[in-house]
C-alpha atoms as a PDB file:
ATOM      1  CA  MET A   1       0.000   0.000   0.000  1.00  0.00           C
ATOM      2  CA  ASN A   2       1.445   3.391  -0.984  1.00  0.00           C
ATOM      3  CA  GLU A   3       1.142   6.698   0.868  1.00  0.00           C
ATOM      4  CA  ILE A   4      -1.803   7.978  -1.138  1.00  0.00           C
ATOM      5  CA  ASP A   5      -3.828   4.813  -0.526  1.00  0.00           C
ATOM      6  CA  ASN A   6      -3.149   4.815   3.220  1.00  0.00           C
ATOM      7  CA  PRO A   7      -5.209   7.531   4.976  1.00  0.00           C
ATOM      8  CA  THR A   8      -3.221   7.118   8.223  1.00  0.00           C
ATOM      9  CA  ILE A   9      -0.086   8.562   6.606  1.00  0.00           C
ATOM     10  CA  LYS A  10       0.213  12.359   6.467  1.00  0.00           C
ATOM     11  CA  LEU A  11       0.314  13.615   2.893  1.00  0.00           C
ATOM     12  CA  ASP A  12       2.109  16.691   1.606  1.00  0.00           C
ATOM     13  CA  ALA A  13       0.448  19.373  -0.521  1.00  0.00           C
ATOM     14  CA  ALA A  14       1.571  17.891  -3.828  1.00  0.00           C
ATOM     15  CA  GLN A  15       0.161  14.471  -2.954  1.00  0.00           C
ATOM     16  CA  LEU A  16      -3.152  16.012  -1.912  1.00  0.00           C
ATOM     17  CA  VAL A  17      -3.393  17.831  -5.225  1.00  0.00           C
ATOM     18  CA  ARG A  18      -2.625  14.588  -7.053  1.00  0.00           C
ATOM     19  CA  ILE A  19      -5.551  12.909  -5.283  1.00  0.00           C
ATOM     20  CA  GLU A  20      -7.844  15.587  -6.675  1.00  0.00           C
ATOM     21  CA  ALA A  21      -6.194  15.342 -10.096  1.00  0.00           C
ATOM     22  CA  ALA A  22      -6.809  11.580 -10.068  1.00  0.00           C
ATOM     23  CA  ALA A  23     -10.471  12.228  -9.260  1.00  0.00           C
ATOM     24  CA  LEU A  24     -10.735  14.520 -12.283  1.00  0.00           C
ATOM     25  CA  GLU A  25      -9.022  11.978 -14.528  1.00  0.00           C
ATOM     26  CA  ALA A  26     -11.472   9.298 -13.383  1.00  0.00           C
ATOM     27  CA  LEU A  27     -14.360  11.699 -14.077  1.00  0.00           C
ATOM     28  CA  ALA A  28     -13.051  12.377 -17.579  1.00  0.00           C
ATOM     29  CA  THR A  29     -12.815   8.641 -18.240  1.00  0.00           C
ATOM     30  CA  ARG A  30     -16.444   8.165 -17.181  1.00  0.00           C
ATOM     31  CA  LEU A  31     -17.519  11.046 -19.439  1.00  0.00           C
ATOM     32  CA  GLU A  32     -15.815   9.336 -22.368  1.00  0.00           C
ATOM     33  CA  GLY A  33     -17.458   6.021 -21.557  1.00  0.00           C
ATOM     34  CA  PRO A  34     -20.345   4.892 -19.372  1.00  0.00           C
ATOM     35  CA  MET A  35     -21.517   8.396 -18.397  1.00  0.00           C
ATOM     36  CA  ALA A  36     -21.444   9.934 -21.882  1.00  0.00           C
ATOM     37  CA  ALA A  37     -25.119   9.198 -22.576  1.00  0.00           C
ATOM     38  CA  ASP A  38     -26.203  10.572 -19.201  1.00  0.00           C
ATOM     39  CA  PHE A  39     -24.220  13.768 -19.769  1.00  0.00           C
ATOM     40  CA  ASP A  40     -25.849  14.193 -23.198  1.00  0.00           C
ATOM     41  CA  ARG A  41     -29.265  13.765 -21.621  1.00  0.00           C
ATOM     42  CA  ALA A  42     -28.495  16.401 -19.005  1.00  0.00           C
ATOM     43  CA  LEU A  43     -27.184  18.680 -21.744  1.00  0.00           C
ATOM     44  CA  GLY A  44     -30.392  18.215 -23.719  1.00  0.00           C
ATOM     45  CA  LEU A  45     -32.562  19.021 -20.701  1.00  0.00           C
ATOM     46  CA  VAL A  46     -30.707  22.277 -20.032  1.00  0.00           C
ATOM     47  CA  ILE A  47     -30.890  23.346 -23.689  1.00  0.00           C
ATOM     48  CA  LYS A  48     -34.599  22.503 -23.860  1.00  0.00           C
ATOM     49  CA  CYS A  49     -35.115  24.481 -20.671  1.00  0.00           C
ATOM     50  CA  GLY A  50     -33.559  27.557 -22.317  1.00  0.00           C
ATOM     51  CA  GLU A  51     -35.717  27.151 -25.412  1.00  0.00           C
ATOM     52  CA  LYS A  52     -38.798  27.232 -23.162  1.00  0.00           C
ATOM     53  CA  ARG A  53     -37.403  30.341 -21.404  1.00  0.00           C
ATOM     54  CA  GLY A  54     -36.957  28.388 -18.196  1.00  0.00           C
ATOM     55  CA  ARG A  55     -34.005  28.678 -15.830  1.00  0.00           C
ATOM     56  CA  VAL A  56     -31.514  26.275 -14.364  1.00  0.00           C
ATOM     57  CA  VAL A  57     -31.949  26.163 -10.592  1.00  0.00           C
ATOM     58  CA  VAL A  58     -28.843  24.805  -8.869  1.00  0.00           C
ATOM     59  CA  THR A  59     -29.050  23.668  -5.249  1.00  0.00           C
ATOM     60  CA  GLY A  60     -26.739  22.122  -2.705  1.00  0.00           C
ATOM     61  CA  MET A  61     -25.964  22.256   1.007  1.00  0.00           C
ATOM     62  CA  GLY A  62     -22.683  23.054   2.770  1.00  0.00           C
ATOM     63  CA  LYS A  63     -19.577  22.707   0.594  1.00  0.00           C
ATOM     64  CA  SER A  64     -21.692  21.338  -2.240  1.00  0.00           C
ATOM     65  CA  GLY A  65     -23.818  24.463  -1.936  1.00  0.00           C
ATOM     66  CA  ILE A  66     -20.780  26.668  -2.492  1.00  0.00           C
ATOM     67  CA  ILE A  67     -19.948  24.674  -5.625  1.00  0.00           C
ATOM     68  CA  ALA A  68     -23.590  24.969  -6.703  1.00  0.00           C
ATOM     69  CA  GLN A  69     -23.364  28.769  -6.464  1.00  0.00           C
ATOM     70  CA  LYS A  70     -20.304  28.780  -8.694  1.00  0.00           C
ATOM     71  CA  ILE A  71     -21.983  26.507 -11.256  1.00  0.00           C
ATOM     72  CA  ALA A  72     -25.038  28.777 -11.341  1.00  0.00           C
ATOM     73  CA  ALA A  73     -22.748  31.784 -11.856  1.00  0.00           C
ATOM     74  CA  THR A  74     -20.860  30.053 -14.691  1.00  0.00           C
ATOM     75  CA  LEU A  75     -24.095  29.073 -16.421  1.00  0.00           C
ATOM     76  CA  SER A  76     -25.409  32.641 -16.187  1.00  0.00           C
ATOM     77  CA  SER A  77     -22.176  34.185 -17.462  1.00  0.00           C
ATOM     78  CA  THR A  78     -22.121  31.877 -20.486  1.00  0.00           C
ATOM     79  CA  GLY A  79     -25.661  32.612 -21.614  1.00  0.00           C
ATOM     80  CA  THR A  80     -27.810  30.152 -19.641  1.00  0.00           C
ATOM     81  CA  PRO A  81     -30.136  31.868 -17.112  1.00  0.00           C
ATOM     82  CA  ALA A  82     -29.472  30.205 -13.757  1.00  0.00           C
ATOM     83  CA  LEU A  83     -29.849  30.837 -10.043  1.00  0.00           C
ATOM     84  CA  PHE A  84     -28.792  29.248  -6.783  1.00  0.00           C
ATOM     85  CA  LEU A  85     -31.488  27.937  -4.444  1.00  0.00           C
ATOM     86  CA  HIS A  86     -30.416  27.368  -0.843  1.00  0.00           C
ATOM     87  CA  PRO A  87     -32.206  24.177   0.253  1.00  0.00           C
ATOM     88  CA  GLY A  88     -32.454  25.351   3.853  1.00  0.00           C
ATOM     89  CA  GLU A  89     -34.143  28.600   2.835  1.00  0.00           C
ATOM     90  CA  ALA A  90     -36.233  26.833   0.195  1.00  0.00           C
ATOM     91  CA  VAL A  91     -38.319  25.004   2.807  1.00  0.00           C
ATOM     92  CA  HIS A  92     -39.102  28.383   4.366  1.00  0.00           C
ATOM     93  CA  GLY A  93     -40.516  29.986   1.255  1.00  0.00           C
ATOM     94  CA  ASP A  94     -37.727  30.360  -1.315  1.00  0.00           C
ATOM     95  CA  ILE A  95     -39.072  27.333  -3.186  1.00  0.00           C
ATOM     96  CA  GLY A  96     -41.606  29.797  -4.567  1.00  0.00           C
ATOM     97  CA  GLY A  97     -38.869  30.932  -6.959  1.00  0.00           C
ATOM     98  CA  LEU A  98     -39.074  27.598  -8.779  1.00  0.00           C
ATOM     99  CA  ALA A  99     -41.381  27.673 -11.802  1.00  0.00           C
ATOM    100  CA  ALA A 100     -42.669  25.343 -14.487  1.00  0.00           C
ATOM    101  CA  GLY A 101     -40.072  24.993 -17.216  1.00  0.00           C
ATOM    102  CA  ASP A 102     -37.123  25.170 -14.813  1.00  0.00           C
ATOM    103  CA  VAL A 103     -34.530  22.403 -14.614  1.00  0.00           C
ATOM    104  CA  VAL A 104     -33.079  21.667 -11.178  1.00  0.00           C
ATOM    105  CA  ILE A 105     -29.486  20.516 -10.685  1.00  0.00           C
ATOM    106  CA  ALA A 106     -29.006  19.148  -7.170  1.00  0.00           C
ATOM    107  CA  LEU A 107     -25.536  18.546  -5.722  1.00  0.00           C
ATOM    108  CA  SER A 108     -25.072  16.041  -2.916  1.00  0.00           C
ATOM    109  CA  ALA A 109     -22.116  13.712  -2.508  1.00  0.00           C
ATOM    110  CA  SER A 110     -24.076  11.252  -0.361  1.00  0.00           C
ATOM    111  CA  GLY A 111     -27.380  11.716  -2.124  1.00  0.00           C
ATOM    112  CA  GLU A 112     -29.000  11.725   1.312  1.00  0.00           C
ATOM    113  CA  THR A 113     -28.708  15.422   2.237  1.00  0.00           C
ATOM    114  CA  GLU A 114     -31.734  15.976   4.457  1.00  0.00           C
ATOM    115  CA  GLU A 115     -32.463  19.537   3.329  1.00  0.00           C
ATOM    116  CA  ILE A 116     -32.549  18.471  -0.329  1.00  0.00           C
ATOM    117  CA  LEU A 117     -34.617  15.349   0.285  1.00  0.00           C
ATOM    118  CA  ARG A 118     -37.286  17.514   1.923  1.00  0.00           C
ATOM    119  CA  LEU A 119     -37.613  19.361  -1.382  1.00  0.00           C
ATOM    120  CA  LEU A 120     -37.875  16.331  -3.647  1.00  0.00           C
ATOM    121  CA  VAL A 121     -41.656  16.242  -3.891  1.00  0.00           C
ATOM    122  CA  THR A 122     -41.863  19.924  -4.810  1.00  0.00           C
ATOM    123  CA  LEU A 123     -38.902  19.766  -7.166  1.00  0.00           C
ATOM    124  CA  LYS A 124     -40.465  16.874  -9.056  1.00  0.00           C
ATOM    125  CA  ARG A 125     -43.926  18.464  -9.074  1.00  0.00           C
ATOM    126  CA  VAL A 126     -42.980  21.980 -10.188  1.00  0.00           C
ATOM    127  CA  GLY A 127     -39.763  21.742 -12.180  1.00  0.00           C
ATOM    128  CA  ASP A 128     -39.478  20.116 -15.592  1.00  0.00           C
ATOM    129  CA  ALA A 129     -36.577  17.822 -14.704  1.00  0.00           C
ATOM    130  CA  LEU A 130     -34.163  16.969 -11.894  1.00  0.00           C
ATOM    131  CA  VAL A 131     -30.481  16.354 -12.594  1.00  0.00           C
ATOM    132  CA  SER A 132     -28.260  15.256  -9.722  1.00  0.00           C
ATOM    133  CA  PHE A 133     -24.497  15.390  -9.228  1.00  0.00           C
ATOM    134  CA  CYS A 134     -24.036  12.522  -6.814  1.00  0.00           C
ATOM    135  CA  CYS A 135     -21.390  10.048  -5.591  1.00  0.00           C
ATOM    136  CA  ASN A 136     -23.924   7.338  -4.776  1.00  0.00           C
ATOM    137  CA  PRO A 137     -26.152   6.208  -7.685  1.00  0.00           C
ATOM    138  CA  LYS A 138     -28.258   4.116  -5.275  1.00  0.00           C
ATOM    139  CA  SER A 139     -29.063   7.040  -2.974  1.00  0.00           C
ATOM    140  CA  THR A 140     -32.517   8.542  -2.482  1.00  0.00           C
ATOM    141  CA  LEU A 141     -31.640  11.642  -4.518  1.00  0.00           C
ATOM    142  CA  ALA A 142     -30.187   9.611  -7.379  1.00  0.00           C
ATOM    143  CA  GLN A 143     -33.207   7.313  -7.527  1.00  0.00           C
ATOM    144  CA  ALA A 144     -35.555  10.329  -7.706  1.00  0.00           C
ATOM    145  CA  SER A 145     -33.567  12.101 -10.450  1.00  0.00           C
ATOM    146  CA  ASP A 146     -34.270  12.111 -14.164  1.00  0.00           C
ATOM    147  CA  VAL A 147     -30.513  12.070 -14.833  1.00  0.00           C
ATOM    148  CA  VAL A 148     -27.710  11.122 -12.440  1.00  0.00           C
ATOM    149  CA  LEU A 149     -24.148  12.285 -13.130  1.00  0.00           C
ATOM    150  CA  ASP A 150     -21.661  10.238 -11.144  1.00  0.00           C
ATOM    151  CA  CYS A 151     -19.172  12.364  -9.163  1.00  0.00           C
ATOM    152  CA  SER A 152     -17.780   9.506  -7.096  1.00  0.00           C
ATOM    153  CA  VAL A 153     -14.126   9.578  -6.054  1.00  0.00           C
ATOM    154  CA  SER A 154     -11.857   6.843  -4.724  1.00  0.00           C
ATOM    155  CA  ARG A 155     -11.064   8.994  -1.693  1.00  0.00           C
ATOM    156  CA  GLU A 156     -11.129  12.588  -0.501  1.00  0.00           C
ATOM    157  CA  ALA A 157      -7.919  14.636  -0.376  1.00  0.00           C
ATOM    158  CA  CYS A 158      -8.020  14.608   3.391  1.00  0.00           C
ATOM    159  CA  ASP A 159      -6.026  12.586   5.932  1.00  0.00           C
ATOM    160  CA  LEU A 160      -9.288  11.578   7.609  1.00  0.00           C
ATOM    161  CA  GLY A 161     -11.075  10.966   4.333  1.00  0.00           C
ATOM    162  CA  LEU A 162     -13.941  13.142   5.535  1.00  0.00           C
ATOM    163  CA  ALA A 163     -13.625  16.747   4.313  1.00  0.00           C
ATOM    164  CA  PRO A 164     -15.309  17.269   0.911  1.00  0.00           C
ATOM    165  CA  THR A 165     -12.349  17.967  -1.354  1.00  0.00           C
ATOM    166  CA  ALA A 166     -11.898  15.641  -4.316  1.00  0.00           C
ATOM    167  CA  SER A 167     -15.672  15.149  -4.550  1.00  0.00           C
ATOM    168  CA  THR A 168     -16.418  18.883  -4.668  1.00  0.00           C
ATOM    169  CA  THR A 169     -13.607  19.367  -7.197  1.00  0.00           C
ATOM    170  CA  ALA A 170     -15.254  16.738  -9.400  1.00  0.00           C
ATOM    171  CA  MET A 171     -18.629  18.466  -9.013  1.00  0.00           C
ATOM    172  CA  LEU A 172     -17.115  21.803  -9.974  1.00  0.00           C
ATOM    173  CA  ALA A 173     -15.410  20.378 -13.066  1.00  0.00           C
ATOM    174  CA  LEU A 174     -18.590  18.588 -14.098  1.00  0.00           C
ATOM    175  CA  GLY A 175     -20.597  21.806 -13.706  1.00  0.00           C
ATOM    176  CA  ASP A 176     -18.072  23.711 -15.799  1.00  0.00           C
ATOM    177  CA  ALA A 177     -18.203  21.011 -18.485  1.00  0.00           C
ATOM    178  CA  LEU A 178     -21.994  21.174 -18.608  1.00  0.00           C
ATOM    179  CA  ALA A 179     -22.098  24.985 -18.721  1.00  0.00           C
ATOM    180  CA  ILE A 180     -19.530  25.243 -21.512  1.00  0.00           C
ATOM    181  CA  ALA A 181     -21.077  22.381 -23.490  1.00  0.00           C
ATOM    182  CA  VAL A 182     -24.433  24.192 -23.362  1.00  0.00           C
ATOM    183  CA  SER A 183     -22.864  27.478 -24.483  1.00  0.00           C
ATOM    184  CA  GLN A 184     -21.095  25.721 -27.374  1.00  0.00           C
ATOM    185  CA  ARG A 185     -24.295  24.007 -28.467  1.00  0.00           C
ATOM    186  CA  LYS A 186     -26.119  27.362 -28.391  1.00  0.00           C
ATOM    187  CA  GLY A 187     -23.399  29.078 -30.417  1.00  0.00           C
ATOM    188  CA  PHE A 188     -22.456  31.467 -27.609  1.00  0.00           C
ATOM    189  CA  ARG A 189     -19.906  33.991 -28.966  1.00  0.00           C
ATOM    190  CA  ALA A 190     -17.243  36.249 -27.501  1.00  0.00           C
ATOM    191  CA  GLU A 191     -19.569  39.170 -28.261  1.00  0.00           C
ATOM    192  CA  ASP A 192     -22.293  37.570 -26.164  1.00  0.00           C
ATOM    193  CA  PHE A 193     -19.816  37.020 -23.344  1.00  0.00           C
ATOM    194  CA  ALA A 194     -18.816  40.690 -23.543  1.00  0.00           C
ATOM    195  CA  ASP A 195     -22.426  41.816 -23.161  1.00  0.00           C
ATOM    196  CA  LEU A 196     -22.674  39.859 -19.903  1.00  0.00           C
ATOM    197  CA  HIS A 197     -19.358  41.138 -18.466  1.00  0.00           C
ATOM    198  CA  PRO A 198     -19.384  44.958 -18.703  1.00  0.00           C
ATOM    199  CA  GLY A 199     -17.433  45.611 -15.495  1.00  0.00           C
ATOM    200  CA  GLY A 200     -13.859  45.339 -14.263  1.00  0.00           C
ATOM    201  CA  ARG A 201     -10.763  44.302 -16.155  1.00  0.00           C
ATOM    202  CA  LEU A 202     -12.628  41.594 -18.057  1.00  0.00           C
ATOM    203  CA  GLY A 203     -15.200  44.179 -19.106  1.00  0.00           C
ATOM    204  CA  ARG A 204     -12.476  46.429 -20.492  1.00  0.00           C
ATOM    205  CA  LYS A 205     -10.972  43.509 -22.374  1.00  0.00           C
ATOM    206  CA  LEU A 206     -14.347  42.758 -23.915  1.00  0.00           C
ATOM    207  CA  SER A 207     -15.349  46.370 -24.601  1.00  0.00           C
ATOM    208  CA  ARG A 208     -16.319  47.497 -28.097  1.00  0.00           C
ATOM    209  CA  VAL A 209     -14.447  49.662 -30.572  1.00  0.00           C
ATOM    210  CA  SER A 210     -17.252  52.227 -30.290  1.00  0.00           C
ATOM    211  CA  ASP A 211     -16.264  52.740 -26.635  1.00  0.00           C
ATOM    212  CA  LEU A 212     -12.726  53.866 -27.546  1.00  0.00           C
ATOM    213  CA  MET A 213     -12.864  55.390 -31.008  1.00  0.00           C
ATOM    214  CA  HIS A 214     -12.306  59.082 -31.692  1.00  0.00           C
ATOM    215  CA  SER A 215     -15.504  60.339 -33.266  1.00  0.00           C
ATOM    216  CA  GLY A 216     -17.199  63.582 -34.313  1.00  0.00           C
ATOM    217  CA  ASP A 217     -14.785  66.515 -34.353  1.00  0.00           C
ATOM    218  CA  GLY A 218     -12.062  64.177 -33.129  1.00  0.00           C
ATOM    219  CA  ILE A 219     -11.902  62.389 -36.491  1.00  0.00           C
ATOM    220  CA  PRO A 220      -8.979  63.571 -38.643  1.00  0.00           C
ATOM    221  CA  GLN A 221     -10.333  63.967 -42.158  1.00  0.00           C
ATOM    222  CA  VAL A 222      -9.538  65.815 -45.357  1.00  0.00           C
ATOM    223  CA  ALA A 223     -10.967  65.928 -48.861  1.00  0.00           C
ATOM    224  CA  PRO A 224      -9.169  64.348 -51.838  1.00  0.00           C
ATOM    225  CA  ALA A 225      -8.166  67.779 -53.185  1.00  0.00           C
ATOM    226  CA  THR A 226      -6.657  68.975 -49.893  1.00  0.00           C
ATOM    227  CA  PRO A 227      -3.057  70.254 -50.350  1.00  0.00           C
ATOM    228  CA  MET A 228      -0.349  68.345 -48.519  1.00  0.00           C
ATOM    229  CA  HIS A 229       0.499  71.152 -46.065  1.00  0.00           C
ATOM    230  CA  ASP A 230      -3.156  71.156 -44.925  1.00  0.00           C
ATOM    231  CA  VAL A 231      -3.043  67.367 -44.643  1.00  0.00           C
ATOM    232  CA  ILE A 232      -0.027  67.641 -42.321  1.00  0.00           C
ATOM    233  CA  TYR A 233      -1.785  70.352 -40.286  1.00  0.00           C
ATOM    234  CA  GLU A 234      -4.868  68.135 -39.826  1.00  0.00           C
ATOM    235  CA  MET A 235      -2.753  65.166 -38.757  1.00  0.00           C
ATOM    236  CA  SER A 236      -0.840  67.303 -36.246  1.00  0.00           C
ATOM    237  CA  LYS A 237      -4.010  68.901 -34.907  1.00  0.00           C
ATOM    238  CA  LYS A 238      -5.839  65.619 -34.255  1.00  0.00           C
ATOM    239  CA  ARG A 239      -2.720  63.888 -32.835  1.00  0.00           C
ATOM    240  CA  LEU A 240      -3.539  60.398 -34.111  1.00  0.00           C
ATOM    241  CA  GLY A 241      -0.732  60.096 -36.648  1.00  0.00           C
ATOM    242  CA  VAL A 242      -3.221  59.614 -39.494  1.00  0.00           C
ATOM    243  CA  THR A 243      -5.935  61.355 -41.395  1.00  0.00           C
ATOM    244  CA  THR A 244      -8.798  59.868 -43.318  1.00  0.00           C
ATOM    245  CA  VAL A 245      -9.537  61.008 -46.830  1.00  0.00           C
ATOM    246  CA  THR A 246     -13.290  61.277 -47.277  1.00  0.00           C
ATOM    247  CA  GLU A 247     -15.904  62.540 -49.669  1.00  0.00           C
ATOM    248  CA  GLY A 248     -19.473  62.973 -48.528  1.00  0.00           C
ATOM    249  CA  GLY A 249     -18.541  61.224 -45.303  1.00  0.00           C
ATOM    250  CA  LYS A 250     -17.426  58.066 -47.120  1.00  0.00           C
ATOM    251  CA  LEU A 251     -13.923  56.682 -46.755  1.00  0.00           C
ATOM    252  CA  LEU A 252     -11.703  56.972 -49.824  1.00  0.00           C
ATOM    253  CA  GLY A 253      -8.338  56.352 -48.234  1.00  0.00           C
ATOM    254  CA  LEU A 254      -5.924  57.062 -45.400  1.00  0.00           C
ATOM    255  CA  ILE A 255      -2.646  58.925 -44.960  1.00  0.00           C
ATOM    256  CA  SER A 256      -0.400  58.011 -42.037  1.00  0.00           C
ATOM    257  CA  ASP A 257       2.854  59.422 -40.690  1.00  0.00           C
ATOM    258  CA  GLY A 258       4.564  56.425 -42.235  1.00  0.00           C
ATOM    259  CA  ASP A 259       2.982  57.146 -45.629  1.00  0.00           C
ATOM    260  CA  LEU A 260       4.277  60.719 -45.496  1.00  0.00           C
ATOM    261  CA  ARG A 261       7.764  59.596 -44.503  1.00  0.00           C
ATOM    262  CA  ARG A 262       7.960  57.088 -47.331  1.00  0.00           C
ATOM    263  CA  LEU A 263       6.561  59.661 -49.790  1.00  0.00           C
ATOM    264  CA  LEU A 264       9.221  62.215 -48.813  1.00  0.00           C
ATOM    265  CA  GLU A 265      11.981  59.606 -49.072  1.00  0.00           C
ATOM    266  CA  ARG A 266      10.837  58.712 -52.566  1.00  0.00           C
ATOM    267  CA  ASP A 267       9.818  62.090 -54.063  1.00  0.00           C
ATOM    268  CA  GLY A 268      11.623  64.609 -51.878  1.00  0.00           C
ATOM    269  CA  ALA A 269      10.187  68.143 -51.851  1.00  0.00           C
ATOM    270  CA  ALA A 270       7.866  67.234 -54.746  1.00  0.00           C
ATOM    271  CA  ALA A 271       5.836  65.196 -52.293  1.00  0.00           C
ATOM    272  CA  LEU A 272       4.586  68.407 -50.726  1.00  0.00           C
ATOM    273  CA  GLU A 273       3.019  69.403 -54.049  1.00  0.00           C
ATOM    274  CA  LYS A 274       0.664  66.452 -54.058  1.00  0.00           C
ATOM    275  CA  THR A 275      -2.945  66.391 -52.904  1.00  0.00           C
ATOM    276  CA  ALA A 276      -4.419  64.054 -50.309  1.00  0.00           C
ATOM    277  CA  GLY A 277      -6.043  61.977 -53.056  1.00  0.00           C
ATOM    278  CA  GLU A 278      -2.690  61.479 -54.762  1.00  0.00           C
ATOM    279  CA  ALA A 279      -0.835  60.549 -51.582  1.00  0.00           C
ATOM    280  CA  MET A 280      -3.404  58.404 -49.790  1.00  0.00           C
ATOM    281  CA  ASN A 281      -3.477  54.657 -49.302  1.00  0.00           C
ATOM    282  CA  PRO A 282      -6.715  53.698 -51.082  1.00  0.00           C
ATOM    283  CA  SER A 283      -7.101  50.420 -49.165  1.00  0.00           C
ATOM    284  CA  PRO A 284      -6.684  51.204 -45.454  1.00  0.00           C
ATOM    285  CA  ARG A 285      -7.453  48.733 -42.677  1.00  0.00           C
ATOM    286  CA  THR A 286     -10.940  49.233 -41.259  1.00  0.00           C
ATOM    287  CA  ILE A 287     -13.103  47.815 -38.490  1.00  0.00           C
ATOM    288  CA  SER A 288     -16.734  48.037 -37.391  1.00  0.00           C
ATOM    289  CA  ALA A 289     -17.832  49.977 -34.331  1.00  0.00           C
ATOM    290  CA  GLY A 290     -19.387  46.887 -32.756  1.00  0.00           C
ATOM    291  CA  GLU A 291     -16.223  44.792 -32.957  1.00  0.00           C
ATOM    292  CA  LEU A 292     -14.399  43.806 -29.783  1.00  0.00           C
ATOM    293  CA  VAL A 293     -11.446  45.981 -28.778  1.00  0.00           C
ATOM    294  CA  ILE A 294      -9.254  42.895 -28.377  1.00  0.00           C
ATOM    295  CA  ARG A 295      -9.817  42.135 -32.070  1.00  0.00           C
ATOM    296  CA  ALA A 296      -8.837  45.682 -32.983  1.00  0.00           C
ATOM    297  CA  LEU A 297      -5.567  45.102 -31.138  1.00  0.00           C
ATOM    298  CA  ASP A 298      -4.985  41.836 -33.011  1.00  0.00           C
ATOM    299  CA  ALA A 299      -5.632  43.576 -36.340  1.00  0.00           C
ATOM    300  CA  MET A 300      -3.228  46.446 -35.610  1.00  0.00           C
ATOM    301  CA  GLU A 301      -0.465  44.206 -34.302  1.00  0.00           C
ATOM    302  CA  SER A 302      -0.715  41.796 -37.238  1.00  0.00           C
ATOM    303  CA  ALA A 303      -0.583  44.666 -39.766  1.00  0.00           C
ATOM    304  CA  LYS A 304       2.009  46.653 -37.723  1.00  0.00           C
ATOM    305  CA  ILE A 305      -0.109  49.808 -37.778  1.00  0.00           C
ATOM    306  CA  THR A 306      -1.271  52.182 -35.064  1.00  0.00           C
ATOM    307  CA  SER A 307      -4.782  53.129 -36.207  1.00  0.00           C
ATOM    308  CA  LEU A 308      -7.898  51.596 -37.708  1.00  0.00           C
ATOM    309  CA  VAL A 309     -10.671  53.513 -39.420  1.00  0.00           C
ATOM    310  CA  VAL A 310     -14.100  52.682 -38.038  1.00  0.00           C
ATOM    311  CA  ILE A 311     -16.755  52.504 -40.749  1.00  0.00           C
ATOM    312  CA  ASP A 312     -20.334  51.328 -41.161  1.00  0.00           C
ATOM    313  CA  GLU A 313     -21.693  49.012 -43.867  1.00  0.00           C
ATOM    314  CA  GLN A 314     -21.887  51.898 -46.354  1.00  0.00           C
ATOM    315  CA  ALA A 315     -18.227  52.870 -45.756  1.00  0.00           C
ATOM    316  CA  ASN A 316     -19.217  56.005 -43.852  1.00  0.00           C
ATOM    317  CA  VAL A 317     -16.453  57.021 -41.438  1.00  0.00           C
ATOM    318  CA  LEU A 318     -17.639  56.726 -37.830  1.00  0.00           C
ATOM    319  CA  GLY A 319     -14.309  57.235 -36.092  1.00  0.00           C
ATOM    320  CA  VAL A 320     -10.694  56.232 -35.676  1.00  0.00           C
ATOM    321  CA  VAL A 321      -9.389  53.868 -33.002  1.00  0.00           C
ATOM    322  CA  HIS A 322      -5.751  54.275 -31.999  1.00  0.00           C
ATOM    323  CA  LEU A 323      -3.389  51.649 -30.647  1.00  0.00           C
ATOM    324  CA  HIS A 324      -2.481  53.685 -27.563  1.00  0.00           C
ATOM    325  CA  ASP A 325      -6.136  53.961 -26.518  1.00  0.00           C
ATOM    326  CA  VAL A 326      -6.569  50.216 -26.950  1.00  0.00           C
ATOM    327  CA  LEU A 327      -3.428  49.380 -24.969  1.00  0.00           C
ATOM    328  CA  ARG A 328      -4.450  51.761 -22.210  1.00  0.00           C
ATOM    329  CA  ALA A 329      -7.912  50.215 -21.981  1.00  0.00           C
ATOM    330  CA  LEU A 330      -6.559  46.675 -21.967  1.00  0.00           C
ATOM    331  CA  GLU A 331      -3.656  47.537 -19.668  1.00  0.00           C
ATOM    332  CA  VAL A 332      -1.261  45.954 -22.153  1.00  0.00           C
ATOM    333  CA  VAL A 333       2.420  46.916 -22.443  1.00  0.00           C
ATOM    334  CA  PRO A 334       2.973  48.417 -25.937  1.00  0.00           C
ATOM    335  CA  THR A 335       5.084  46.397 -28.324  1.00  0.00           C
ATOM    336  CA  PRO A 336       7.985  48.248 -29.992  1.00  0.00           C
ATOM    337  CA  LEU A 337       7.473  46.259 -33.194  1.00  0.00           C
ATOM    338  CA  VAL A 338       4.408  48.247 -34.229  1.00  0.00           C
ATOM    339  CA  GLN A 339       5.173  50.972 -36.773  1.00  0.00           C
ATOM    340  CA  PRO A 340       2.762  53.668 -38.040  1.00  0.00           C
END
């Protein structure tokens, strides 16, 4: 018998983590084999629930309850309306939040959690389906469930084998797998994720180009016939290192600091005799106002440019987004490889 199999031997941190890792590996093996059909059934119930505008109600007591709250939060943040129902509070009135069309996911390692068993009759009568995350498929909860997902572990990562550790880790991983599988099946996009995460650093990362672009009077723009000295004045005045060339509000081209530098190197003083239409790049990089800022950064870094023109479907200029504004919003260190 080795140290991990003998609960009387004190285990170090690495060994305890390996116990939990082994529990996850065993869970993955079950999902690839005997539990695959059950997982698909649970997935189908949650998707059907969303189609009927129902919610996923996740419940659990104690440590399982904490995991249940996280699963409900992950479902909600990935496009599946969900809420946590405390089983202790449910028997004192909170069960009224459960409605027809809802799917209940109940977490209980033993499957005999008293507070959850008290709710079984109501859960079965009101909700559309009951899915359980359980370590004992013969338990009362498992027998009453429409789908049972096996979270059993060979042992807990605890010297006494008592504290919920490996079992709650398995529940958490299983909840994450279900939430992400549902979002994938529903075609949940990065844009949808951004709409649900407007705050904090993640919100900034998922903000839109429209939030950062220079618009209105802040847009550098000249007409095709504008003389080069006026083009330079407009670029200096707006401080973005570029100017758009427009006619009737529509984008015709772009002139950047780099374009001017290359033009002067090639034509010398004669470059200053040109008009904006003669000097412009007629095929500048553009982006839509509704695009994610992180994608604007990818586009600028891949093209080694510092600005993108923001246009609508008719090529009307809506604004200009600059690399420095994007880096500031994303709190990213600028890369020296980017040239205007």
